[in-house]
Amino acid sequence: MRHLLLFFSLWMASVELLAADKDNMFVVCERQREVRWIRVFSSNDGKCKTVYSKEGYSQVVSSATFYSSCESVLNNVKKNVEGGGFKCHEAVLANVIEIN
């Protein structure tokens, strides 16, 4: 029970940190059984990339010096995907850790 409580506490802390991390946006779009996602990655040098995934394949659709540029591309792709009948929502990225 103690391990479960510790795991839950660590997991909640990681979810809160990732939710507050706007430098790594992640959007999931669903239509029936189809799932697509769009994500902005920030690198240590301050640059960013926007990645779009559909049908299991990922593609870098933009790279830029400023995060706001990648965020704009993400929003444009999201708008186009929603125009195709998908429902999109921002998701939280979380890692699973195992405590023995």
C-alpha atoms as a PDB file:
ATOM      1  CA  MET A   1       0.000   0.000   0.000  1.00  0.00           C
ATOM      2  CA  ARG A   2       2.863   2.314   0.821  1.00  0.00           C
ATOM      3  CA  HIS A   3       4.424   1.756  -2.620  1.00  0.00           C
ATOM      4  CA  LEU A   4       1.112   2.478  -4.305  1.00  0.00           C
ATOM      5  CA  LEU A   5       0.729   5.762  -2.419  1.00  0.00           C
ATOM      6  CA  LEU A   6       4.284   6.785  -3.292  1.00  0.00           C
ATOM      7  CA  PHE A   7       3.715   5.895  -6.952  1.00  0.00           C
ATOM      8  CA  PHE A   8       0.462   7.868  -7.066  1.00  0.00           C
ATOM      9  CA  SER A   9       2.123  10.902  -5.458  1.00  0.00           C
ATOM     10  CA  LEU A  10       5.026  10.823  -7.908  1.00  0.00           C
ATOM     11  CA  TRP A  11       2.670  10.309 -10.835  1.00  0.00           C
ATOM     12  CA  MET A  12       0.499  13.265  -9.830  1.00  0.00           C
ATOM     13  CA  ALA A  13       3.576  15.454  -9.462  1.00  0.00           C
ATOM     14  CA  SER A  14       4.814  14.470 -12.945  1.00  0.00           C
ATOM     15  CA  VAL A  15       1.374  15.106 -14.484  1.00  0.00           C
ATOM     16  CA  GLU A  16       1.235  18.568 -12.916  1.00  0.00           C
ATOM     17  CA  LEU A  17       4.738  19.401 -14.152  1.00  0.00           C
ATOM     18  CA  LEU A  18       3.975  18.209 -17.663  1.00  0.00           C
ATOM     19  CA  ALA A  19       0.658  20.036 -17.754  1.00  0.00           C
ATOM     20  CA  ALA A  20       2.460  23.238 -16.831  1.00  0.00           C
ATOM     21  CA  ASP A  21       5.098  22.666 -19.539  1.00  0.00           C
ATOM     22  CA  LYS A  22       3.713  24.638 -22.466  1.00  0.00           C
ATOM     23  CA  ASP A  23       6.966  24.112 -24.389  1.00  0.00           C
ATOM     24  CA  ASN A  24       5.804  20.621 -25.320  1.00  0.00           C
ATOM     25  CA  MET A  25       2.211  20.807 -26.570  1.00  0.00           C
ATOM     26  CA  PHE A  26       0.446  17.548 -27.418  1.00  0.00           C
ATOM     27  CA  VAL A  27      -2.948  17.370 -29.143  1.00  0.00           C
ATOM     28  CA  VAL A  28      -4.878  14.145 -29.784  1.00  0.00           C
ATOM     29  CA  CYS A  29      -7.581  14.022 -32.470  1.00  0.00           C
ATOM     30  CA  GLU A  30     -10.126  11.202 -32.781  1.00  0.00           C
ATOM     31  CA  ARG A  31     -12.805  10.243 -35.272  1.00  0.00           C
ATOM     32  CA  GLN A  32     -14.480   6.904 -34.628  1.00  0.00           C
ATOM     33  CA  ARG A  33     -11.521   4.494 -34.464  1.00  0.00           C
ATOM     34  CA  GLU A  34      -8.985   6.787 -36.115  1.00  0.00           C
ATOM     35  CA  VAL A  35      -6.464   8.636 -33.969  1.00  0.00           C
ATOM     36  CA  ARG A  36      -4.107  11.382 -35.043  1.00  0.00           C
ATOM     37  CA  TRP A  37      -1.827  13.541 -32.947  1.00  0.00           C
ATOM     38  CA  ILE A  38       0.112  16.762 -33.266  1.00  0.00           C
ATOM     39  CA  ARG A  39       3.007  17.685 -31.016  1.00  0.00           C
ATOM     40  CA  VAL A  40       5.463  20.541 -30.588  1.00  0.00           C
ATOM     41  CA  PHE A  41       8.929  19.624 -29.337  1.00  0.00           C
ATOM     42  CA  SER A  42      11.285  22.232 -27.926  1.00  0.00           C
ATOM     43  CA  SER A  43      14.998  21.582 -28.044  1.00  0.00           C
ATOM     44  CA  ASN A  44      17.691  22.804 -25.687  1.00  0.00           C
ATOM     45  CA  ASP A  45      18.892  25.368 -28.220  1.00  0.00           C
ATOM     46  CA  GLY A  46      15.496  27.124 -28.139  1.00  0.00           C
ATOM     47  CA  LYS A  47      14.326  25.864 -31.523  1.00  0.00           C
ATOM     48  CA  CYS A  48      11.204  23.741 -32.020  1.00  0.00           C
ATOM     49  CA  LYS A  49       9.608  21.191 -34.324  1.00  0.00           C
ATOM     50  CA  THR A  50       5.962  20.409 -35.012  1.00  0.00           C
ATOM     51  CA  VAL A  51       5.226  16.727 -35.640  1.00  0.00           C
ATOM     52  CA  TYR A  52       1.992  15.331 -37.080  1.00  0.00           C
ATOM     53  CA  SER A  53       1.057  11.660 -36.945  1.00  0.00           C
ATOM     54  CA  LYS A  54      -1.644   9.824 -38.860  1.00  0.00           C
ATOM     55  CA  GLU A  55      -2.160   6.174 -39.676  1.00  0.00           C
ATOM     56  CA  GLY A  56       0.868   5.288 -37.533  1.00  0.00           C
ATOM     57  CA  TYR A  57       3.329   7.485 -39.436  1.00  0.00           C
ATOM     58  CA  SER A  58       4.895  10.656 -38.018  1.00  0.00           C
ATOM     59  CA  GLN A  59       6.182  13.577 -40.034  1.00  0.00           C
ATOM     60  CA  VAL A  60       7.914  16.819 -39.073  1.00  0.00           C
ATOM     61  CA  VAL A  61       5.657  19.483 -40.599  1.00  0.00           C
ATOM     62  CA  SER A  62       7.625  22.505 -39.384  1.00  0.00           C
ATOM     63  CA  SER A  63      10.730  23.599 -37.585  1.00  0.00           C
ATOM     64  CA  ALA A  64      11.364  27.114 -36.375  1.00  0.00           C
ATOM     65  CA  THR A  65      13.486  29.323 -34.176  1.00  0.00           C
ATOM     66  CA  PHE A  66      10.556  30.597 -32.120  1.00  0.00           C
ATOM     67  CA  TYR A  67       8.106  28.392 -30.210  1.00  0.00           C
ATOM     68  CA  SER A  68       5.175  30.600 -31.218  1.00  0.00           C
ATOM     69  CA  SER A  69       5.767  29.677 -34.869  1.00  0.00           C
ATOM     70  CA  CYS A  70       5.550  25.946 -34.104  1.00  0.00           C
ATOM     71  CA  GLU A  71       2.466  26.556 -31.972  1.00  0.00           C
ATOM     72  CA  SER A  72       0.814  28.378 -34.893  1.00  0.00           C
ATOM     73  CA  VAL A  73       1.537  25.442 -37.208  1.00  0.00           C
ATOM     74  CA  LEU A  74       0.068  23.048 -34.615  1.00  0.00           C
ATOM     75  CA  ASN A  75      -3.102  25.151 -34.419  1.00  0.00           C
ATOM     76  CA  ASN A  76      -3.406  25.291 -38.221  1.00  0.00           C
ATOM     77  CA  VAL A  77      -3.005  21.515 -38.543  1.00  0.00           C
ATOM     78  CA  LYS A  78      -5.520  21.019 -35.716  1.00  0.00           C
ATOM     79  CA  LYS A  79      -8.030  23.265 -37.503  1.00  0.00           C
ATOM     80  CA  ASN A  80      -7.607  21.295 -40.756  1.00  0.00           C
ATOM     81  CA  VAL A  81      -7.961  17.940 -38.971  1.00  0.00           C
ATOM     82  CA  GLU A  82     -11.096  19.144 -37.151  1.00  0.00           C
ATOM     83  CA  GLY A  83     -12.452  20.221 -40.542  1.00  0.00           C
ATOM     84  CA  GLY A  84     -12.224  16.541 -41.497  1.00  0.00           C
ATOM     85  CA  GLY A  85     -14.578  15.552 -38.685  1.00  0.00           C
ATOM     86  CA  PHE A  86     -12.036  14.809 -35.952  1.00  0.00           C
ATOM     87  CA  LYS A  87     -12.510  15.945 -32.349  1.00  0.00           C
ATOM     88  CA  CYS A  88      -9.235  17.286 -30.952  1.00  0.00           C
ATOM     89  CA  HIS A  89      -8.158  17.967 -27.378  1.00  0.00           C
ATOM     90  CA  GLU A  90      -4.938  18.856 -25.645  1.00  0.00           C
ATOM     91  CA  ALA A  91      -3.513  15.905 -23.755  1.00  0.00           C
ATOM     92  CA  VAL A  92      -1.018  15.539 -20.943  1.00  0.00           C
ATOM     93  CA  LEU A  93       2.109  13.514 -21.515  1.00  0.00           C
ATOM     94  CA  ALA A  94       3.068  11.320 -18.594  1.00  0.00           C
ATOM     95  CA  ASN A  95       5.660   8.659 -17.918  1.00  0.00           C
ATOM     96  CA  VAL A  96       4.989   5.475 -16.014  1.00  0.00           C
ATOM     97  CA  ILE A  97       7.459   4.442 -13.373  1.00  0.00           C
ATOM     98  CA  GLU A  98       7.591   1.140 -11.592  1.00  0.00           C
ATOM     99  CA  ILE A  99       8.595   0.863  -7.959  1.00  0.00           C
ATOM    100  CA  ASN A 100       9.571  -2.551  -6.616  1.00  0.00           C
END
